[in-house]
N, C-alpha and C. Protein backbone atom coordinates (compact mmCIF):
# COMPACT_ATOMS: atom_id res chain seq x y z
N UNK A 1 9.27 33.12 -8.59
CA UNK A 1 8.80 32.20 -7.55
C UNK A 1 9.89 31.99 -6.51
N UNK A 2 9.50 31.97 -5.24
CA UNK A 2 10.46 31.69 -4.18
C UNK A 2 11.04 30.30 -4.33
N UNK A 3 12.26 30.14 -3.84
CA UNK A 3 12.92 28.85 -3.91
C UNK A 3 12.17 27.81 -3.08
N UNK A 4 12.07 26.62 -3.64
CA UNK A 4 11.51 25.48 -2.90
C UNK A 4 12.65 24.79 -2.17
N UNK A 5 12.53 24.68 -0.86
CA UNK A 5 13.52 23.98 -0.05
C UNK A 5 12.83 22.78 0.58
N UNK A 6 13.36 21.60 0.34
CA UNK A 6 12.79 20.38 0.91
C UNK A 6 13.79 19.80 1.90
N UNK A 7 13.41 19.81 3.16
CA UNK A 7 14.25 19.26 4.23
C UNK A 7 13.90 17.78 4.36
N UNK A 8 14.91 16.94 4.22
CA UNK A 8 14.69 15.50 4.18
C UNK A 8 15.58 14.81 5.20
N UNK A 9 15.24 13.56 5.49
CA UNK A 9 16.11 12.72 6.28
C UNK A 9 17.01 11.90 5.37
N UNK A 10 17.86 11.09 5.97
CA UNK A 10 18.78 10.26 5.19
C UNK A 10 18.04 9.53 4.09
N UNK A 11 18.49 9.71 2.86
CA UNK A 11 17.76 9.15 1.72
C UNK A 11 17.68 7.62 1.78
N UNK A 12 18.64 7.04 2.41
CA UNK A 12 18.65 5.58 2.51
C UNK A 12 17.46 5.05 3.32
N UNK A 13 17.00 5.83 4.28
CA UNK A 13 16.00 5.33 5.23
C UNK A 13 14.68 6.10 5.23
N UNK A 14 14.66 7.33 4.75
CA UNK A 14 13.50 8.20 4.98
C UNK A 14 12.46 8.04 3.88
N UNK A 15 11.56 7.10 4.08
CA UNK A 15 10.48 6.88 3.12
C UNK A 15 9.56 8.09 3.03
N UNK A 16 9.32 8.75 4.15
CA UNK A 16 8.43 9.91 4.14
C UNK A 16 9.03 11.04 3.33
N UNK A 17 10.34 11.19 3.35
CA UNK A 17 10.99 12.25 2.57
C UNK A 17 10.94 11.95 1.07
N UNK A 18 11.02 10.68 0.72
CA UNK A 18 11.01 10.29 -0.69
C UNK A 18 9.71 10.71 -1.37
N UNK A 19 8.61 10.60 -0.68
CA UNK A 19 7.30 10.83 -1.30
C UNK A 19 7.18 12.23 -1.92
N UNK A 20 7.38 13.31 -1.15
CA UNK A 20 7.25 14.63 -1.77
C UNK A 20 8.35 14.94 -2.76
N UNK A 21 9.51 14.32 -2.60
CA UNK A 21 10.57 14.53 -3.59
C UNK A 21 10.14 14.00 -4.95
N UNK A 22 9.60 12.80 -4.98
CA UNK A 22 9.13 12.22 -6.24
C UNK A 22 8.02 13.09 -6.82
N UNK A 23 7.09 13.53 -5.99
CA UNK A 23 6.00 14.37 -6.48
C UNK A 23 6.54 15.67 -7.08
N UNK A 24 7.50 16.30 -6.39
CA UNK A 24 8.07 17.55 -6.89
C UNK A 24 8.77 17.35 -8.22
N UNK A 25 9.56 16.32 -8.33
CA UNK A 25 10.31 16.08 -9.57
C UNK A 25 9.35 15.74 -10.71
N UNK A 26 8.31 14.97 -10.43
CA UNK A 26 7.35 14.63 -11.47
C UNK A 26 6.53 15.85 -11.89
N UNK A 27 6.46 16.86 -11.02
CA UNK A 27 5.79 18.11 -11.36
C UNK A 27 6.71 19.06 -12.12
N UNK A 28 7.97 18.67 -12.27
CA UNK A 28 8.93 19.50 -12.98
C UNK A 28 9.73 20.43 -12.10
N UNK A 29 9.58 20.32 -10.80
CA UNK A 29 10.31 21.17 -9.87
C UNK A 29 11.62 20.51 -9.45
N UNK A 30 12.58 21.34 -9.09
CA UNK A 30 13.87 20.85 -8.58
C UNK A 30 14.14 21.53 -7.24
N UNK A 31 13.58 21.00 -6.17
CA UNK A 31 13.77 21.65 -4.88
C UNK A 31 15.21 21.55 -4.40
N UNK A 32 15.62 22.56 -3.66
CA UNK A 32 16.92 22.45 -3.00
C UNK A 32 16.75 21.54 -1.80
N UNK A 33 17.61 20.54 -1.71
CA UNK A 33 17.50 19.56 -0.63
C UNK A 33 18.41 19.92 0.53
N UNK A 34 17.87 19.84 1.71
CA UNK A 34 18.65 19.92 2.94
C UNK A 34 18.52 18.57 3.60
N UNK A 35 19.56 17.78 3.55
CA UNK A 35 19.50 16.41 4.06
C UNK A 35 20.08 16.34 5.47
N UNK A 36 19.30 15.81 6.37
CA UNK A 36 19.72 15.68 7.76
C UNK A 36 19.92 14.20 8.07
N UNK A 37 21.10 13.87 8.54
CA UNK A 37 21.41 12.48 8.84
C UNK A 37 20.60 12.00 10.04
N UNK A 38 19.88 10.92 9.84
CA UNK A 38 19.04 10.36 10.90
C UNK A 38 19.83 9.36 11.74
N UNK A 39 19.16 8.83 12.74
CA UNK A 39 19.73 7.81 13.62
C UNK A 39 20.97 8.31 14.34
N UNK A 40 20.89 9.60 14.75
CA UNK A 40 21.93 10.22 15.57
C UNK A 40 21.23 10.92 16.73
N UNK A 41 21.85 11.01 17.89
CA UNK A 41 21.20 11.68 19.03
C UNK A 41 20.80 13.12 18.73
N UNK A 42 21.59 13.80 17.90
CA UNK A 42 21.33 15.21 17.63
C UNK A 42 20.42 15.44 16.43
N UNK A 43 19.91 14.37 15.83
CA UNK A 43 19.12 14.53 14.60
C UNK A 43 17.87 15.38 14.85
N UNK A 44 17.15 15.12 15.93
CA UNK A 44 15.91 15.87 16.18
C UNK A 44 16.20 17.35 16.34
N UNK A 45 17.25 17.69 17.07
CA UNK A 45 17.59 19.10 17.25
C UNK A 45 17.92 19.75 15.91
N UNK A 46 18.60 19.03 15.04
CA UNK A 46 18.92 19.56 13.71
C UNK A 46 17.65 19.77 12.88
N UNK A 47 16.72 18.82 12.99
CA UNK A 47 15.47 18.94 12.24
C UNK A 47 14.64 20.11 12.74
N UNK A 48 14.64 20.33 14.06
CA UNK A 48 13.83 21.41 14.64
C UNK A 48 14.28 22.79 14.17
N UNK A 49 15.48 22.89 13.64
CA UNK A 49 15.92 24.17 13.07
C UNK A 49 15.11 24.54 11.83
N UNK A 50 14.49 23.52 11.23
CA UNK A 50 13.73 23.73 10.00
C UNK A 50 12.25 23.40 10.16
N UNK A 51 11.94 22.33 10.86
CA UNK A 51 10.58 21.79 10.91
C UNK A 51 9.99 21.94 12.30
N UNK A 52 8.83 22.58 12.44
CA UNK A 52 8.26 22.78 13.77
C UNK A 52 7.82 21.49 14.44
N UNK A 53 7.59 20.43 13.64
CA UNK A 53 7.18 19.15 14.21
C UNK A 53 8.36 18.32 14.71
N UNK A 54 9.56 18.72 14.32
CA UNK A 54 10.74 17.92 14.67
C UNK A 54 10.86 16.67 13.83
N UNK A 55 10.11 16.63 12.72
CA UNK A 55 10.14 15.47 11.84
C UNK A 55 10.38 15.93 10.41
N UNK A 56 10.87 15.01 9.60
CA UNK A 56 11.02 15.26 8.17
C UNK A 56 9.99 14.42 7.42
N UNK A 57 9.62 14.89 6.23
CA UNK A 57 10.14 16.05 5.49
C UNK A 57 9.46 17.34 5.93
N UNK A 58 10.03 18.42 5.43
CA UNK A 58 9.45 19.74 5.64
C UNK A 58 9.74 20.56 4.38
N UNK A 59 8.72 21.18 3.83
CA UNK A 59 8.87 22.03 2.65
C UNK A 59 8.82 23.48 3.08
N UNK A 60 9.77 24.27 2.60
CA UNK A 60 9.81 25.70 2.87
C UNK A 60 9.75 26.42 1.54
N UNK A 61 8.77 27.28 1.40
CA UNK A 61 8.57 28.03 0.15
C UNK A 61 8.24 29.46 0.53
N UNK A 62 9.27 30.29 0.58
CA UNK A 62 9.08 31.63 1.08
C UNK A 62 8.65 31.60 2.54
N UNK A 63 7.50 32.20 2.82
CA UNK A 63 6.99 32.22 4.19
C UNK A 63 6.18 30.98 4.53
N UNK A 64 5.95 30.11 3.56
CA UNK A 64 5.13 28.92 3.78
C UNK A 64 6.01 27.77 4.26
N UNK A 65 5.57 27.13 5.34
CA UNK A 65 6.26 25.95 5.88
C UNK A 65 5.24 24.83 6.00
N UNK A 66 5.54 23.70 5.36
CA UNK A 66 4.62 22.55 5.37
C UNK A 66 5.43 21.34 5.83
N UNK A 67 4.95 20.62 6.86
CA UNK A 67 5.78 19.60 7.51
C UNK A 67 5.16 18.21 7.52
N UNK A 68 4.40 17.85 6.54
CA UNK A 68 3.82 16.52 6.45
C UNK A 68 3.87 16.09 4.99
N UNK A 69 4.21 14.82 4.74
CA UNK A 69 4.42 14.36 3.37
C UNK A 69 3.19 14.58 2.49
N UNK A 70 2.03 14.15 2.96
CA UNK A 70 0.83 14.27 2.14
C UNK A 70 0.43 15.73 1.97
N UNK A 71 0.57 16.51 3.02
CA UNK A 71 0.26 17.94 2.93
C UNK A 71 1.21 18.63 1.94
N UNK A 72 2.48 18.23 1.93
CA UNK A 72 3.43 18.79 0.96
C UNK A 72 2.99 18.45 -0.45
N UNK A 73 2.59 17.21 -0.67
CA UNK A 73 2.13 16.80 -2.00
C UNK A 73 0.89 17.59 -2.41
N UNK A 74 -0.02 17.83 -1.49
CA UNK A 74 -1.18 18.66 -1.78
C UNK A 74 -0.76 20.08 -2.17
N UNK A 75 0.20 20.61 -1.46
CA UNK A 75 0.69 21.96 -1.76
C UNK A 75 1.32 22.00 -3.15
N UNK A 76 2.11 20.98 -3.47
CA UNK A 76 2.74 20.93 -4.79
C UNK A 76 1.69 20.82 -5.90
N UNK A 77 0.62 20.07 -5.64
CA UNK A 77 -0.44 19.94 -6.63
C UNK A 77 -1.08 21.29 -6.93
N UNK A 78 -1.22 22.14 -5.90
CA UNK A 78 -1.78 23.47 -6.09
C UNK A 78 -0.76 24.42 -6.72
N UNK A 79 0.50 24.23 -6.37
CA UNK A 79 1.56 25.12 -6.88
C UNK A 79 1.83 24.87 -8.36
N UNK A 80 1.68 23.61 -8.77
CA UNK A 80 1.96 23.24 -10.16
C UNK A 80 0.72 22.57 -10.76
N UNK A 81 -0.35 23.33 -10.98
CA UNK A 81 -1.60 22.71 -11.45
C UNK A 81 -1.47 22.02 -12.81
N UNK A 82 -0.58 22.51 -13.66
CA UNK A 82 -0.43 21.90 -14.97
C UNK A 82 0.13 20.49 -14.90
N UNK A 83 0.76 20.14 -13.78
CA UNK A 83 1.34 18.80 -13.63
C UNK A 83 0.27 17.74 -13.41
N UNK A 84 -0.93 18.15 -13.02
CA UNK A 84 -2.01 17.19 -12.83
C UNK A 84 -1.71 16.14 -11.79
N UNK A 85 -1.26 16.58 -10.62
CA UNK A 85 -0.87 15.62 -9.58
C UNK A 85 -2.05 14.92 -8.92
N UNK A 86 -3.27 15.38 -9.21
CA UNK A 86 -4.47 14.63 -8.87
C UNK A 86 -5.25 14.38 -10.16
N UNK A 87 -5.94 13.25 -10.29
CA UNK A 87 -6.73 12.99 -11.50
C UNK A 87 -7.79 14.07 -11.73
N UNK A 88 -8.09 14.34 -12.99
CA UNK A 88 -9.11 15.34 -13.31
C UNK A 88 -10.51 14.81 -12.99
N UNK A 89 -10.76 13.55 -13.26
CA UNK A 89 -12.08 12.97 -13.01
C UNK A 89 -12.38 12.94 -11.53
N UNK A 90 -13.58 13.39 -11.15
CA UNK A 90 -13.91 13.51 -9.73
C UNK A 90 -13.87 12.17 -9.01
N UNK A 91 -14.43 11.13 -9.62
CA UNK A 91 -14.44 9.81 -8.98
C UNK A 91 -13.03 9.27 -8.81
N UNK A 92 -12.23 9.39 -9.87
CA UNK A 92 -10.85 8.93 -9.79
C UNK A 92 -10.07 9.72 -8.74
N UNK A 93 -10.32 11.03 -8.69
CA UNK A 93 -9.62 11.87 -7.72
C UNK A 93 -9.99 11.49 -6.30
N UNK A 94 -11.25 11.16 -6.07
CA UNK A 94 -11.67 10.74 -4.74
C UNK A 94 -10.98 9.45 -4.32
N UNK A 95 -10.91 8.49 -5.24
CA UNK A 95 -10.24 7.23 -4.92
C UNK A 95 -8.74 7.47 -4.72
N UNK A 96 -8.14 8.31 -5.54
CA UNK A 96 -6.71 8.61 -5.39
C UNK A 96 -6.42 9.20 -4.02
N UNK A 97 -7.30 10.09 -3.57
CA UNK A 97 -7.11 10.68 -2.24
C UNK A 97 -7.32 9.63 -1.15
N UNK A 98 -8.28 8.74 -1.36
CA UNK A 98 -8.55 7.71 -0.35
C UNK A 98 -7.37 6.76 -0.20
N UNK A 99 -6.82 6.28 -1.32
CA UNK A 99 -5.71 5.33 -1.21
C UNK A 99 -4.45 6.03 -0.71
N UNK A 100 -4.29 7.31 -1.03
CA UNK A 100 -3.14 8.06 -0.50
C UNK A 100 -3.25 8.20 1.01
N UNK A 101 -4.45 8.52 1.49
CA UNK A 101 -4.66 8.64 2.93
C UNK A 101 -4.49 7.29 3.62
N UNK A 102 -4.95 6.21 2.98
CA UNK A 102 -4.79 4.89 3.57
C UNK A 102 -3.31 4.54 3.71
N UNK A 103 -2.53 4.88 2.70
CA UNK A 103 -1.09 4.62 2.79
C UNK A 103 -0.47 5.49 3.87
N UNK A 104 -0.93 6.71 3.97
CA UNK A 104 -0.37 7.66 4.94
C UNK A 104 -0.57 7.17 6.37
N UNK A 105 -1.73 6.57 6.65
CA UNK A 105 -2.05 6.23 8.04
C UNK A 105 -2.05 4.74 8.33
N UNK A 106 -1.93 3.91 7.30
CA UNK A 106 -2.08 2.48 7.49
C UNK A 106 -0.81 1.68 7.28
N UNK A 107 -0.99 0.37 7.12
CA UNK A 107 0.09 -0.59 6.86
C UNK A 107 1.18 -0.57 7.95
N UNK A 108 0.78 -0.65 9.22
CA UNK A 108 1.77 -0.58 10.30
C UNK A 108 2.71 -1.77 10.33
N UNK A 109 2.23 -2.95 9.97
CA UNK A 109 3.10 -4.13 10.02
C UNK A 109 4.16 -4.04 8.93
N UNK A 110 3.75 -3.61 7.75
CA UNK A 110 4.72 -3.43 6.67
C UNK A 110 5.80 -2.44 7.07
N UNK A 111 5.40 -1.34 7.69
CA UNK A 111 6.38 -0.34 8.12
C UNK A 111 7.35 -0.91 9.15
N UNK A 112 6.80 -1.66 10.13
CA UNK A 112 7.64 -2.16 11.22
C UNK A 112 8.52 -3.32 10.77
N UNK A 113 7.96 -4.22 9.97
CA UNK A 113 8.70 -5.42 9.58
C UNK A 113 9.68 -5.15 8.45
N UNK A 114 9.31 -4.22 7.57
CA UNK A 114 10.10 -3.96 6.37
C UNK A 114 10.43 -2.48 6.29
N UNK A 115 11.23 -2.00 7.21
CA UNK A 115 11.59 -0.58 7.19
C UNK A 115 12.39 -0.28 5.92
N UNK A 116 12.33 0.97 5.49
CA UNK A 116 13.00 1.33 4.25
C UNK A 116 14.50 1.18 4.40
N UNK A 117 15.09 0.43 3.48
CA UNK A 117 16.54 0.23 3.42
C UNK A 117 16.89 0.16 1.94
N UNK A 118 17.22 1.33 1.41
CA UNK A 118 17.34 1.46 -0.04
C UNK A 118 18.60 0.83 -0.61
N UNK A 119 19.58 0.60 0.23
CA UNK A 119 20.89 0.18 -0.28
C UNK A 119 21.22 -1.28 0.01
N UNK A 120 20.20 -2.09 0.25
CA UNK A 120 20.44 -3.50 0.55
C UNK A 120 19.32 -4.34 -0.02
N UNK A 121 19.58 -5.61 -0.19
CA UNK A 121 18.57 -6.58 -0.60
C UNK A 121 18.59 -7.70 0.42
N UNK A 122 17.51 -7.83 1.20
CA UNK A 122 17.44 -8.82 2.27
C UNK A 122 16.09 -9.51 2.23
N UNK A 123 15.90 -10.46 1.34
CA UNK A 123 14.60 -11.14 1.22
C UNK A 123 14.16 -11.75 2.55
N UNK A 124 12.87 -11.62 2.83
CA UNK A 124 12.32 -12.23 4.04
C UNK A 124 12.22 -13.73 3.84
N UNK A 125 12.70 -14.49 4.82
CA UNK A 125 12.60 -15.95 4.73
C UNK A 125 11.16 -16.41 4.89
N UNK A 126 10.42 -15.73 5.77
CA UNK A 126 9.02 -16.07 6.01
C UNK A 126 8.19 -14.80 6.02
N UNK A 127 6.95 -14.91 5.58
CA UNK A 127 6.02 -13.79 5.59
C UNK A 127 5.00 -14.04 6.70
N UNK A 128 5.07 -13.30 7.81
CA UNK A 128 4.09 -13.49 8.89
C UNK A 128 2.67 -13.23 8.39
N UNK A 129 1.71 -13.83 9.07
CA UNK A 129 0.32 -13.73 8.63
C UNK A 129 -0.17 -12.29 8.60
N UNK A 130 0.21 -11.48 9.58
CA UNK A 130 -0.27 -10.09 9.60
C UNK A 130 0.34 -9.27 8.47
N UNK A 131 1.59 -9.57 8.13
CA UNK A 131 2.20 -8.90 6.98
C UNK A 131 1.56 -9.38 5.68
N UNK A 132 1.29 -10.66 5.59
CA UNK A 132 0.63 -11.20 4.39
C UNK A 132 -0.72 -10.53 4.15
N UNK A 133 -1.45 -10.27 5.23
CA UNK A 133 -2.75 -9.61 5.10
C UNK A 133 -2.60 -8.19 4.54
N UNK A 134 -1.59 -7.48 5.01
CA UNK A 134 -1.36 -6.14 4.49
C UNK A 134 -0.89 -6.17 3.04
N UNK A 135 -0.09 -7.15 2.68
CA UNK A 135 0.34 -7.28 1.29
C UNK A 135 -0.83 -7.59 0.38
N UNK A 136 -1.77 -8.37 0.87
CA UNK A 136 -2.98 -8.65 0.09
C UNK A 136 -3.77 -7.36 -0.15
N UNK A 137 -3.86 -6.53 0.87
CA UNK A 137 -4.56 -5.26 0.73
C UNK A 137 -3.81 -4.35 -0.26
N UNK A 138 -2.51 -4.31 -0.14
CA UNK A 138 -1.70 -3.50 -1.05
C UNK A 138 -1.91 -3.96 -2.50
N UNK A 139 -1.83 -5.26 -2.71
CA UNK A 139 -2.04 -5.82 -4.04
C UNK A 139 -3.43 -5.45 -4.56
N UNK A 140 -4.43 -5.53 -3.69
CA UNK A 140 -5.80 -5.21 -4.09
C UNK A 140 -5.94 -3.75 -4.50
N UNK A 141 -5.32 -2.84 -3.75
CA UNK A 141 -5.38 -1.42 -4.11
C UNK A 141 -4.76 -1.19 -5.47
N UNK A 142 -3.55 -1.69 -5.65
CA UNK A 142 -2.84 -1.45 -6.91
C UNK A 142 -3.59 -2.07 -8.09
N UNK A 143 -4.07 -3.29 -7.90
CA UNK A 143 -4.76 -3.98 -8.99
C UNK A 143 -6.08 -3.30 -9.34
N UNK A 144 -6.83 -2.91 -8.31
CA UNK A 144 -8.12 -2.27 -8.54
C UNK A 144 -7.96 -0.91 -9.21
N UNK A 145 -7.05 -0.10 -8.72
CA UNK A 145 -6.86 1.23 -9.31
C UNK A 145 -6.38 1.13 -10.76
N UNK A 146 -5.48 0.22 -11.02
CA UNK A 146 -5.00 0.05 -12.40
C UNK A 146 -6.15 -0.42 -13.30
N UNK A 147 -6.97 -1.34 -12.81
CA UNK A 147 -8.06 -1.87 -13.64
C UNK A 147 -9.12 -0.81 -13.91
N UNK A 148 -9.46 -0.02 -12.92
CA UNK A 148 -10.57 0.94 -13.07
C UNK A 148 -10.15 2.27 -13.67
N UNK A 149 -8.92 2.70 -13.36
CA UNK A 149 -8.54 4.07 -13.71
C UNK A 149 -7.23 4.17 -14.50
N UNK A 150 -6.55 3.07 -14.75
CA UNK A 150 -5.20 3.15 -15.28
C UNK A 150 -5.06 3.05 -16.78
N UNK A 151 -6.15 3.17 -17.52
CA UNK A 151 -6.08 2.96 -18.97
C UNK A 151 -5.19 3.98 -19.68
N UNK A 152 -5.04 5.17 -19.11
CA UNK A 152 -4.32 6.23 -19.80
C UNK A 152 -2.83 6.25 -19.61
N UNK A 153 -2.26 5.25 -18.92
CA UNK A 153 -0.82 5.24 -18.68
C UNK A 153 -0.45 4.13 -17.72
N UNK A 154 0.81 4.09 -17.27
CA UNK A 154 1.28 2.97 -16.46
C UNK A 154 1.07 3.13 -14.96
N UNK A 155 0.49 4.26 -14.54
CA UNK A 155 0.38 4.53 -13.11
C UNK A 155 -1.01 4.17 -12.60
N UNK A 156 -1.24 4.32 -11.31
CA UNK A 156 -2.50 3.89 -10.72
C UNK A 156 -3.71 4.52 -11.39
N UNK A 157 -3.57 5.80 -11.77
CA UNK A 157 -4.68 6.52 -12.39
C UNK A 157 -4.31 6.97 -13.80
N UNK A 158 -3.52 6.16 -14.46
CA UNK A 158 -3.08 6.46 -15.82
C UNK A 158 -1.83 7.30 -15.79
N UNK A 159 -1.98 8.61 -15.67
CA UNK A 159 -0.81 9.48 -15.55
C UNK A 159 -0.40 9.57 -14.07
N UNK A 160 0.81 9.99 -13.84
CA UNK A 160 1.36 10.05 -12.49
C UNK A 160 0.51 10.96 -11.60
N UNK A 161 0.32 10.54 -10.36
CA UNK A 161 -0.44 11.33 -9.38
C UNK A 161 0.23 11.24 -8.01
N UNK A 162 -0.31 12.00 -7.09
CA UNK A 162 0.17 11.95 -5.71
C UNK A 162 0.09 10.53 -5.16
N UNK A 163 -0.92 9.78 -5.57
CA UNK A 163 -1.05 8.39 -5.09
C UNK A 163 0.19 7.58 -5.41
N UNK A 164 0.74 7.78 -6.59
CA UNK A 164 1.96 7.05 -6.97
C UNK A 164 3.15 7.49 -6.10
N UNK A 165 3.22 8.78 -5.81
CA UNK A 165 4.28 9.25 -4.92
C UNK A 165 4.17 8.61 -3.55
N UNK A 166 2.95 8.46 -3.06
CA UNK A 166 2.75 7.87 -1.74
C UNK A 166 3.19 6.41 -1.70
N UNK A 167 3.06 5.72 -2.82
CA UNK A 167 3.43 4.31 -2.84
C UNK A 167 4.86 4.05 -3.32
N UNK A 168 5.58 5.08 -3.74
CA UNK A 168 6.93 4.87 -4.25
C UNK A 168 7.85 4.17 -3.23
N UNK A 169 7.86 4.59 -1.95
CA UNK A 169 8.73 3.88 -1.00
C UNK A 169 8.29 2.44 -0.76
N UNK A 170 6.99 2.16 -0.95
CA UNK A 170 6.52 0.78 -0.79
C UNK A 170 7.10 -0.10 -1.88
N UNK A 171 7.21 0.45 -3.08
CA UNK A 171 7.84 -0.31 -4.17
C UNK A 171 9.28 -0.67 -3.82
N UNK A 172 10.00 0.25 -3.19
CA UNK A 172 11.39 -0.07 -2.81
C UNK A 172 11.41 -1.14 -1.72
N UNK A 173 10.46 -1.09 -0.80
CA UNK A 173 10.39 -2.14 0.22
C UNK A 173 10.11 -3.50 -0.41
N UNK A 174 9.20 -3.52 -1.37
CA UNK A 174 8.88 -4.78 -2.05
C UNK A 174 10.12 -5.36 -2.71
N UNK A 175 10.95 -4.49 -3.26
CA UNK A 175 12.19 -4.96 -3.90
C UNK A 175 13.22 -5.39 -2.87
N UNK A 176 13.41 -4.58 -1.83
CA UNK A 176 14.42 -4.88 -0.82
C UNK A 176 14.16 -6.23 -0.15
N UNK A 177 12.89 -6.49 0.18
CA UNK A 177 12.55 -7.69 0.95
C UNK A 177 11.93 -8.80 0.10
N UNK A 178 11.91 -8.61 -1.24
CA UNK A 178 11.37 -9.60 -2.16
C UNK A 178 9.97 -10.04 -1.74
N UNK A 179 9.10 -9.06 -1.53
CA UNK A 179 7.75 -9.33 -1.04
C UNK A 179 6.88 -9.83 -2.19
N UNK A 180 6.04 -10.83 -1.93
CA UNK A 180 5.23 -11.43 -3.00
C UNK A 180 4.09 -10.51 -3.44
N UNK A 181 3.92 -10.40 -4.75
CA UNK A 181 2.85 -9.62 -5.34
C UNK A 181 2.29 -10.37 -6.54
N UNK A 182 1.05 -10.10 -6.87
CA UNK A 182 0.48 -10.66 -8.08
C UNK A 182 1.10 -10.02 -9.31
N UNK A 183 0.78 -10.57 -10.46
CA UNK A 183 1.42 -10.12 -11.70
C UNK A 183 1.18 -8.65 -11.98
N UNK A 184 -0.07 -8.20 -11.86
CA UNK A 184 -0.37 -6.80 -12.14
C UNK A 184 0.29 -5.86 -11.15
N UNK A 185 0.25 -6.21 -9.87
CA UNK A 185 0.87 -5.37 -8.84
C UNK A 185 2.38 -5.34 -9.01
N UNK A 186 2.97 -6.46 -9.40
CA UNK A 186 4.42 -6.51 -9.62
C UNK A 186 4.81 -5.61 -10.79
N UNK A 187 4.00 -5.57 -11.82
CA UNK A 187 4.28 -4.70 -12.96
C UNK A 187 4.22 -3.24 -12.54
N UNK A 188 3.25 -2.90 -11.71
CA UNK A 188 3.17 -1.52 -11.21
C UNK A 188 4.36 -1.19 -10.32
N UNK A 189 4.75 -2.12 -9.45
CA UNK A 189 5.96 -1.93 -8.63
C UNK A 189 7.14 -1.57 -9.53
N UNK A 190 7.31 -2.30 -10.61
CA UNK A 190 8.44 -2.06 -11.51
C UNK A 190 8.33 -0.70 -12.19
N UNK A 191 7.11 -0.26 -12.47
CA UNK A 191 6.91 1.08 -13.03
C UNK A 191 7.44 2.14 -12.07
N UNK A 192 7.12 1.99 -10.79
CA UNK A 192 7.61 2.95 -9.81
C UNK A 192 9.13 2.88 -9.66
N UNK A 193 9.66 1.68 -9.64
CA UNK A 193 11.11 1.53 -9.47
C UNK A 193 11.89 2.12 -10.64
N UNK A 194 11.24 2.23 -11.80
CA UNK A 194 11.90 2.77 -12.99
C UNK A 194 11.81 4.29 -13.09
N UNK A 195 11.14 4.95 -12.15
CA UNK A 195 11.01 6.40 -12.21
C UNK A 195 12.39 7.08 -12.16
N UNK A 196 12.67 8.01 -13.07
CA UNK A 196 13.94 8.74 -13.00
C UNK A 196 14.14 9.44 -11.66
N UNK A 197 13.07 9.95 -11.08
CA UNK A 197 13.19 10.62 -9.78
C UNK A 197 13.68 9.67 -8.71
N UNK A 198 13.24 8.42 -8.78
CA UNK A 198 13.70 7.43 -7.81
C UNK A 198 15.16 7.08 -8.05
N UNK A 199 15.57 7.04 -9.32
CA UNK A 199 16.98 6.79 -9.62
C UNK A 199 17.86 7.92 -9.07
N UNK A 200 17.39 9.16 -9.19
CA UNK A 200 18.11 10.29 -8.63
C UNK A 200 18.26 10.13 -7.12
N UNK A 201 17.16 9.79 -6.49
CA UNK A 201 17.17 9.63 -5.03
C UNK A 201 18.11 8.51 -4.62
N UNK A 202 18.06 7.41 -5.33
CA UNK A 202 18.89 6.26 -5.00
C UNK A 202 20.38 6.61 -5.17
N UNK A 203 20.69 7.39 -6.19
CA UNK A 203 22.08 7.79 -6.41
C UNK A 203 22.60 8.58 -5.22
N UNK A 204 21.74 9.42 -4.65
CA UNK A 204 22.16 10.18 -3.48
C UNK A 204 22.22 9.34 -2.21
N UNK A 205 21.45 8.25 -2.20
CA UNK A 205 21.42 7.39 -1.01
C UNK A 205 22.53 6.36 -1.01
N UNK A 206 22.84 5.84 -2.18
CA UNK A 206 23.78 4.72 -2.30
C UNK A 206 24.86 5.05 -3.33
N UNK A 207 25.73 6.01 -3.01
CA UNK A 207 26.76 6.41 -4.00
C UNK A 207 27.76 5.31 -4.27
């Protein structure tokens, strides 16, 4: 098999890069990482050497180049079918894809107000109403998926799936900013924070 190369941004800040990394590691793969320091004037030019979109992450596998987090996770699911990165049950798989897509395109207030900062703890003094609404939706997704599909393990759909990879950076945001969650959602947050892949990533971000 050709080498898997995952081009990422600074691990401390790049939530989008974290997602496919977690998915790859949970599938048993160890991609070679090319880390590009963000928040520099020359960062985009450095990224364009690898990624046609000028954004990270970007997966390179032989002649295949994939430059979107969710698309990379889809590719990994096909590359490593035994890992079961999508639920086997059709209904569960449909919901897993729906919540993954919602995370991919939604939660703008959470992203803007609580940007990923893996190496600090800065609790929010106040939770604005628009952020509170998004946190309620987040809590509802996690609670509903766990209740309906999570009987087989600690993740949203029992065993680990792409949906969990998509929410991994959100768990770090919840910890960094001490965001309020219900009991079930908080337990799921802690499950994600305990992932060995996340510990690996954090070690590289906060030596």
